[in-house]
Amino acid sequence: MLHTFEDLEVWKRSAKLAADINIAIHNHTNYALRDQISRSAISIPSNIAEGAERDSTNNFIRFLRISKGSCAELRTQLYINQKVAQETGANNLRETPIYIQETKEILAMLQGLIQKLQKTK
């Protein structure tokens, strides 16, 4: 039974991803891309938490959808960063393929949670 957002596996994994990415990009020299990656990564668990604390299932679902958007945004930025690194020789995020895979799994988890919540409405 869900008691708090901290009980959600998708929140745990997305919070870990956000922390891992922010640690990895700490010294990234492309400040615009670094800041955008950081914001979208942080947005995923933040919106899960905010939605879980809302007083309605519809609001929770709305915030989970926002998290999905942030997750897709993050994956896009990771692909861009990967291409930039390949072209410039910079290797700021060696774990990019792992992060990309994690965004795909988190996205699937978010979709599954949305579908589960829609059935209980």
N, C-alpha and C. Protein backbone atom coordinates (compact mmCIF):
# COMPACT_ATOMS: atom_id res chain seq x y z
N MET A 1 0.85 -1.19 0.00
CA MET A 1 0.00 0.00 0.00
C MET A 1 0.89 1.25 0.00
N LEU A 2 0.52 2.23 -0.80
CA LEU A 2 1.26 3.48 -0.90
C LEU A 2 0.91 4.37 0.29
N HIS A 3 1.93 4.76 1.02
CA HIS A 3 1.74 5.69 2.13
C HIS A 3 2.27 7.07 1.78
N THR A 4 3.41 7.11 1.09
CA THR A 4 4.01 8.37 0.67
C THR A 4 4.66 8.16 -0.69
N PHE A 5 4.99 9.26 -1.34
CA PHE A 5 5.66 9.15 -2.63
C PHE A 5 6.98 8.41 -2.53
N GLU A 6 7.61 8.48 -1.35
CA GLU A 6 8.89 7.78 -1.15
C GLU A 6 8.75 6.26 -1.25
N ASP A 7 7.52 5.76 -1.15
CA ASP A 7 7.26 4.32 -1.29
C ASP A 7 7.23 3.88 -2.74
N LEU A 8 7.10 4.81 -3.66
CA LEU A 8 6.99 4.47 -5.08
C LEU A 8 8.37 4.14 -5.67
N GLU A 9 8.48 2.98 -6.27
CA GLU A 9 9.75 2.58 -6.89
C GLU A 9 10.15 3.54 -8.00
N VAL A 10 9.18 4.04 -8.76
CA VAL A 10 9.49 4.97 -9.84
C VAL A 10 10.06 6.28 -9.28
N TRP A 11 9.58 6.71 -8.12
CA TRP A 11 10.16 7.91 -7.50
C TRP A 11 11.59 7.62 -7.05
N LYS A 12 11.81 6.47 -6.42
CA LYS A 12 13.15 6.11 -5.95
C LYS A 12 14.15 6.09 -7.11
N ARG A 13 13.76 5.44 -8.19
CA ARG A 13 14.67 5.32 -9.33
C ARG A 13 14.90 6.66 -10.01
N SER A 14 13.87 7.47 -10.13
CA SER A 14 14.05 8.77 -10.78
C SER A 14 14.84 9.73 -9.90
N ALA A 15 14.68 9.66 -8.59
CA ALA A 15 15.47 10.50 -7.68
C ALA A 15 16.94 10.09 -7.74
N LYS A 16 17.20 8.78 -7.80
CA LYS A 16 18.58 8.31 -7.92
C LYS A 16 19.19 8.76 -9.25
N LEU A 17 18.41 8.64 -10.33
CA LEU A 17 18.90 9.09 -11.63
C LEU A 17 19.22 10.58 -11.60
N ALA A 18 18.35 11.38 -11.02
CA ALA A 18 18.59 12.82 -10.94
C ALA A 18 19.87 13.12 -10.17
N ALA A 19 20.07 12.44 -9.06
CA ALA A 19 21.28 12.65 -8.27
C ALA A 19 22.51 12.20 -9.05
N ASP A 20 22.45 11.01 -9.65
CA ASP A 20 23.60 10.48 -10.40
C ASP A 20 23.98 11.41 -11.55
N ILE A 21 22.99 11.88 -12.28
CA ILE A 21 23.26 12.77 -13.40
C ILE A 21 23.85 14.10 -12.92
N ASN A 22 23.30 14.65 -11.85
CA ASN A 22 23.83 15.92 -11.35
C ASN A 22 25.25 15.79 -10.85
N ILE A 23 25.58 14.66 -10.28
CA ILE A 23 26.97 14.41 -9.88
C ILE A 23 27.86 14.32 -11.12
N ALA A 24 27.39 13.59 -12.13
CA ALA A 24 28.18 13.37 -13.34
C ALA A 24 28.42 14.65 -14.13
N ILE A 25 27.45 15.56 -14.13
CA ILE A 25 27.59 16.78 -14.94
C ILE A 25 28.14 17.96 -14.15
N HIS A 26 28.50 17.72 -12.92
CA HIS A 26 28.95 18.81 -12.04
C HIS A 26 30.00 19.71 -12.71
N ASN A 27 30.95 19.13 -13.40
CA ASN A 27 32.02 19.91 -14.04
C ASN A 27 31.83 20.08 -15.54
N HIS A 28 30.64 19.81 -16.03
CA HIS A 28 30.35 19.94 -17.45
C HIS A 28 30.58 21.38 -17.88
N THR A 29 31.26 21.58 -18.99
CA THR A 29 31.62 22.94 -19.41
C THR A 29 30.58 23.60 -20.31
N ASN A 30 29.66 22.83 -20.86
CA ASN A 30 28.58 23.42 -21.64
C ASN A 30 27.46 23.78 -20.66
N TYR A 31 27.52 25.00 -20.16
CA TYR A 31 26.65 25.39 -19.06
C TYR A 31 25.17 25.35 -19.41
N ALA A 32 24.83 25.74 -20.61
CA ALA A 32 23.42 25.73 -21.01
C ALA A 32 22.88 24.30 -21.03
N LEU A 33 23.61 23.39 -21.63
CA LEU A 33 23.17 22.01 -21.69
C LEU A 33 23.20 21.38 -20.30
N ARG A 34 24.23 21.68 -19.52
CA ARG A 34 24.32 21.15 -18.16
C ARG A 34 23.10 21.56 -17.33
N ASP A 35 22.76 22.85 -17.40
CA ASP A 35 21.64 23.34 -16.60
C ASP A 35 20.31 22.74 -17.06
N GLN A 36 20.15 22.58 -18.36
CA GLN A 36 18.91 22.01 -18.89
C GLN A 36 18.79 20.53 -18.50
N ILE A 37 19.89 19.78 -18.59
CA ILE A 37 19.91 18.38 -18.18
C ILE A 37 19.56 18.28 -16.70
N SER A 38 20.17 19.12 -15.90
CA SER A 38 19.92 19.11 -14.46
C SER A 38 18.45 19.39 -14.16
N ARG A 39 17.89 20.41 -14.79
CA ARG A 39 16.49 20.78 -14.53
C ARG A 39 15.53 19.67 -14.92
N SER A 40 15.73 19.08 -16.07
CA SER A 40 14.79 18.04 -16.50
C SER A 40 14.93 16.79 -15.64
N ALA A 41 16.16 16.45 -15.24
CA ALA A 41 16.37 15.28 -14.38
C ALA A 41 15.68 15.48 -13.03
N ILE A 42 15.84 16.65 -12.45
CA ILE A 42 15.25 16.96 -11.15
C ILE A 42 13.72 17.02 -11.25
N SER A 43 13.21 17.43 -12.39
CA SER A 43 11.77 17.58 -12.58
C SER A 43 11.03 16.25 -12.50
N ILE A 44 11.67 15.16 -12.90
CA ILE A 44 10.97 13.87 -12.93
C ILE A 44 10.51 13.46 -11.52
N PRO A 45 11.41 13.26 -10.55
CA PRO A 45 10.93 12.86 -9.22
C PRO A 45 10.15 13.96 -8.51
N SER A 46 10.48 15.21 -8.82
CA SER A 46 9.78 16.32 -8.17
C SER A 46 8.29 16.33 -8.53
N ASN A 47 7.99 16.09 -9.79
CA ASN A 47 6.58 16.07 -10.21
C ASN A 47 5.86 14.83 -9.70
N ILE A 48 6.56 13.72 -9.59
CA ILE A 48 5.95 12.53 -8.98
C ILE A 48 5.55 12.85 -7.54
N ALA A 49 6.46 13.46 -6.81
CA ALA A 49 6.20 13.81 -5.41
C ALA A 49 5.06 14.81 -5.30
N GLU A 50 5.10 15.84 -6.11
CA GLU A 50 4.05 16.85 -6.03
C GLU A 50 2.69 16.25 -6.36
N GLY A 51 2.62 15.43 -7.39
CA GLY A 51 1.36 14.82 -7.77
C GLY A 51 0.83 13.87 -6.71
N ALA A 52 1.74 13.12 -6.09
CA ALA A 52 1.32 12.16 -5.05
C ALA A 52 0.73 12.88 -3.85
N GLU A 53 1.15 14.09 -3.61
CA GLU A 53 0.67 14.84 -2.46
C GLU A 53 -0.59 15.65 -2.77
N ARG A 54 -1.03 15.62 -4.01
CA ARG A 54 -2.29 16.29 -4.36
C ARG A 54 -3.44 15.46 -3.84
N ASP A 55 -4.58 16.08 -3.74
CA ASP A 55 -5.74 15.43 -3.12
C ASP A 55 -6.64 14.67 -4.08
N SER A 56 -6.18 14.46 -5.31
CA SER A 56 -7.04 13.73 -6.23
C SER A 56 -6.22 12.86 -7.17
N THR A 57 -6.83 11.79 -7.60
CA THR A 57 -6.18 10.89 -8.55
C THR A 57 -5.94 11.61 -9.87
N ASN A 58 -6.88 12.43 -10.29
CA ASN A 58 -6.70 13.17 -11.55
C ASN A 58 -5.49 14.09 -11.50
N ASN A 59 -5.29 14.77 -10.38
CA ASN A 59 -4.11 15.63 -10.25
C ASN A 59 -2.83 14.80 -10.24
N PHE A 60 -2.84 13.67 -9.57
CA PHE A 60 -1.67 12.79 -9.53
C PHE A 60 -1.32 12.35 -10.95
N ILE A 61 -2.32 11.93 -11.70
CA ILE A 61 -2.10 11.50 -13.09
C ILE A 61 -1.54 12.64 -13.91
N ARG A 62 -2.06 13.83 -13.72
CA ARG A 62 -1.56 15.01 -14.46
C ARG A 62 -0.08 15.24 -14.20
N PHE A 63 0.33 15.14 -12.94
CA PHE A 63 1.75 15.34 -12.61
C PHE A 63 2.62 14.18 -13.07
N LEU A 64 2.07 12.98 -13.11
CA LEU A 64 2.82 11.86 -13.67
C LEU A 64 3.07 12.07 -15.16
N ARG A 65 2.10 12.64 -15.84
CA ARG A 65 2.28 12.95 -17.26
C ARG A 65 3.34 14.03 -17.46
N ILE A 66 3.38 15.00 -16.57
CA ILE A 66 4.43 16.01 -16.62
C ILE A 66 5.79 15.34 -16.42
N SER A 67 5.86 14.39 -15.50
CA SER A 67 7.10 13.64 -15.27
C SER A 67 7.52 12.89 -16.52
N LYS A 68 6.54 12.32 -17.22
CA LYS A 68 6.85 11.63 -18.48
C LYS A 68 7.47 12.60 -19.48
N GLY A 69 6.90 13.78 -19.57
CA GLY A 69 7.45 14.79 -20.47
C GLY A 69 8.88 15.17 -20.10
N SER A 70 9.12 15.34 -18.81
CA SER A 70 10.47 15.67 -18.35
C SER A 70 11.44 14.53 -18.64
N CYS A 71 10.96 13.32 -18.53
CA CYS A 71 11.79 12.15 -18.80
C CYS A 71 12.18 12.10 -20.28
N ALA A 72 11.23 12.38 -21.14
CA ALA A 72 11.52 12.43 -22.58
C ALA A 72 12.47 13.59 -22.91
N GLU A 73 12.26 14.70 -22.24
CA GLU A 73 13.14 15.86 -22.42
C GLU A 73 14.56 15.52 -22.00
N LEU A 74 14.70 14.87 -20.86
CA LEU A 74 16.02 14.47 -20.39
C LEU A 74 16.70 13.53 -21.38
N ARG A 75 15.94 12.55 -21.88
CA ARG A 75 16.54 11.61 -22.82
C ARG A 75 17.00 12.33 -24.09
N THR A 76 16.21 13.29 -24.57
CA THR A 76 16.61 14.08 -25.72
C THR A 76 17.91 14.83 -25.46
N GLN A 77 18.00 15.44 -24.29
CA GLN A 77 19.21 16.18 -23.94
C GLN A 77 20.42 15.26 -23.82
N LEU A 78 20.21 14.05 -23.33
CA LEU A 78 21.30 13.09 -23.24
C LEU A 78 21.79 12.69 -24.63
N TYR A 79 20.85 12.49 -25.57
CA TYR A 79 21.24 12.20 -26.95
C TYR A 79 22.03 13.36 -27.55
N ILE A 80 21.57 14.57 -27.31
CA ILE A 80 22.28 15.76 -27.81
C ILE A 80 23.67 15.82 -27.21
N ASN A 81 23.76 15.64 -25.90
CA ASN A 81 25.06 15.68 -25.24
C ASN A 81 25.99 14.60 -25.80
N GLN A 82 25.44 13.43 -26.06
CA GLN A 82 26.23 12.33 -26.61
C GLN A 82 26.80 12.71 -27.98
N LYS A 83 25.97 13.31 -28.82
CA LYS A 83 26.42 13.73 -30.16
C LYS A 83 27.47 14.82 -30.06
N VAL A 84 27.26 15.78 -29.19
CA VAL A 84 28.23 16.86 -28.99
C VAL A 84 29.56 16.27 -28.52
N ALA A 85 29.51 15.34 -27.58
CA ALA A 85 30.73 14.70 -27.07
C ALA A 85 31.46 13.94 -28.17
N GLN A 86 30.71 13.26 -29.02
CA GLN A 86 31.34 12.52 -30.13
C GLN A 86 32.04 13.46 -31.10
N GLU A 87 31.41 14.58 -31.38
CA GLU A 87 31.96 15.53 -32.36
C GLU A 87 33.12 16.35 -31.81
N THR A 88 33.10 16.62 -30.52
CA THR A 88 34.13 17.50 -29.93
C THR A 88 35.22 16.73 -29.21
N GLY A 89 35.01 15.45 -28.99
CA GLY A 89 35.98 14.66 -28.25
C GLY A 89 35.83 14.76 -26.75
N ALA A 90 34.92 15.60 -26.30
CA ALA A 90 34.67 15.71 -24.87
C ALA A 90 33.91 14.47 -24.42
N ASN A 91 34.22 13.98 -23.25
CA ASN A 91 33.52 12.79 -22.76
C ASN A 91 33.04 13.07 -21.35
N ASN A 92 32.09 14.00 -21.25
CA ASN A 92 31.61 14.45 -19.96
C ASN A 92 30.69 13.46 -19.26
N LEU A 93 29.97 12.67 -20.03
CA LEU A 93 29.00 11.74 -19.44
C LEU A 93 29.22 10.35 -20.03
N ARG A 94 30.18 9.64 -19.51
CA ARG A 94 30.48 8.29 -20.01
C ARG A 94 29.31 7.34 -19.81
N GLU A 95 28.47 7.62 -18.81
CA GLU A 95 27.35 6.75 -18.47
C GLU A 95 26.09 7.05 -19.28
N THR A 96 26.20 7.87 -20.31
CA THR A 96 25.02 8.29 -21.06
C THR A 96 24.16 7.11 -21.53
N PRO A 97 24.72 6.05 -22.11
CA PRO A 97 23.85 4.94 -22.52
C PRO A 97 23.06 4.32 -21.34
N ILE A 98 23.67 4.27 -20.19
CA ILE A 98 22.99 3.75 -19.00
C ILE A 98 21.86 4.70 -18.59
N TYR A 99 22.14 5.99 -18.62
CA TYR A 99 21.12 6.98 -18.27
C TYR A 99 19.95 6.95 -19.26
N ILE A 100 20.26 6.80 -20.53
CA ILE A 100 19.22 6.74 -21.55
C ILE A 100 18.33 5.53 -21.30
N GLN A 101 18.92 4.38 -21.02
CA GLN A 101 18.14 3.18 -20.74
C GLN A 101 17.27 3.38 -19.49
N GLU A 102 17.82 4.02 -18.49
CA GLU A 102 17.05 4.26 -17.26
C GLU A 102 15.87 5.17 -17.54
N THR A 103 16.03 6.19 -18.40
CA THR A 103 14.89 7.05 -18.72
C THR A 103 13.79 6.25 -19.41
N LYS A 104 14.17 5.30 -20.26
CA LYS A 104 13.17 4.45 -20.94
C LYS A 104 12.40 3.60 -19.93
N GLU A 105 13.12 3.05 -18.96
CA GLU A 105 12.48 2.21 -17.96
C GLU A 105 11.59 3.03 -17.03
N ILE A 106 12.05 4.21 -16.64
CA ILE A 106 11.25 5.09 -15.79
C ILE A 106 9.99 5.53 -16.53
N LEU A 107 10.13 5.85 -17.80
CA LEU A 107 8.98 6.24 -18.61
C LEU A 107 7.93 5.12 -18.63
N ALA A 108 8.38 3.89 -18.81
CA ALA A 108 7.46 2.75 -18.81
C ALA A 108 6.79 2.58 -17.44
N MET A 109 7.54 2.80 -16.38
CA MET A 109 6.98 2.70 -15.03
C MET A 109 5.93 3.78 -14.80
N LEU A 110 6.21 4.98 -15.27
CA LEU A 110 5.25 6.08 -15.14
C LEU A 110 3.97 5.76 -15.89
N GLN A 111 4.11 5.24 -17.10
CA GLN A 111 2.93 4.89 -17.89
C GLN A 111 2.12 3.79 -17.20
N GLY A 112 2.82 2.81 -16.65
CA GLY A 112 2.13 1.75 -15.92
C GLY A 112 1.38 2.27 -14.71
N LEU A 113 1.98 3.19 -13.98
CA LEU A 113 1.32 3.78 -12.82
C LEU A 113 0.10 4.59 -13.24
N ILE A 114 0.23 5.34 -14.32
CA ILE A 114 -0.92 6.11 -14.83
C ILE A 114 -2.07 5.16 -15.18
N GLN A 115 -1.76 4.08 -15.88
CA GLN A 115 -2.81 3.14 -16.27
C GLN A 115 -3.46 2.50 -15.04
N LYS A 116 -2.66 2.17 -14.06
CA LYS A 116 -3.19 1.59 -12.82
C LYS A 116 -4.12 2.58 -12.12
N LEU A 117 -3.69 3.83 -12.03
CA LEU A 117 -4.51 4.85 -11.38
C LEU A 117 -5.81 5.12 -12.15
N GLN A 118 -5.73 5.09 -13.47
CA GLN A 118 -6.93 5.32 -14.27
C GLN A 118 -7.97 4.23 -14.04
N LYS A 119 -7.54 3.02 -13.79
CA LYS A 119 -8.46 1.91 -13.54
C LYS A 119 -9.13 2.01 -12.18
N THR A 120 -8.49 2.71 -11.23
CA THR A 120 -9.03 2.80 -9.87
C THR A 120 -9.93 4.03 -9.69
N LYS A 121 -10.01 4.88 -10.72
CA LYS A 121 -10.83 6.10 -10.60
C LYS A 121 -12.29 5.77 -10.54
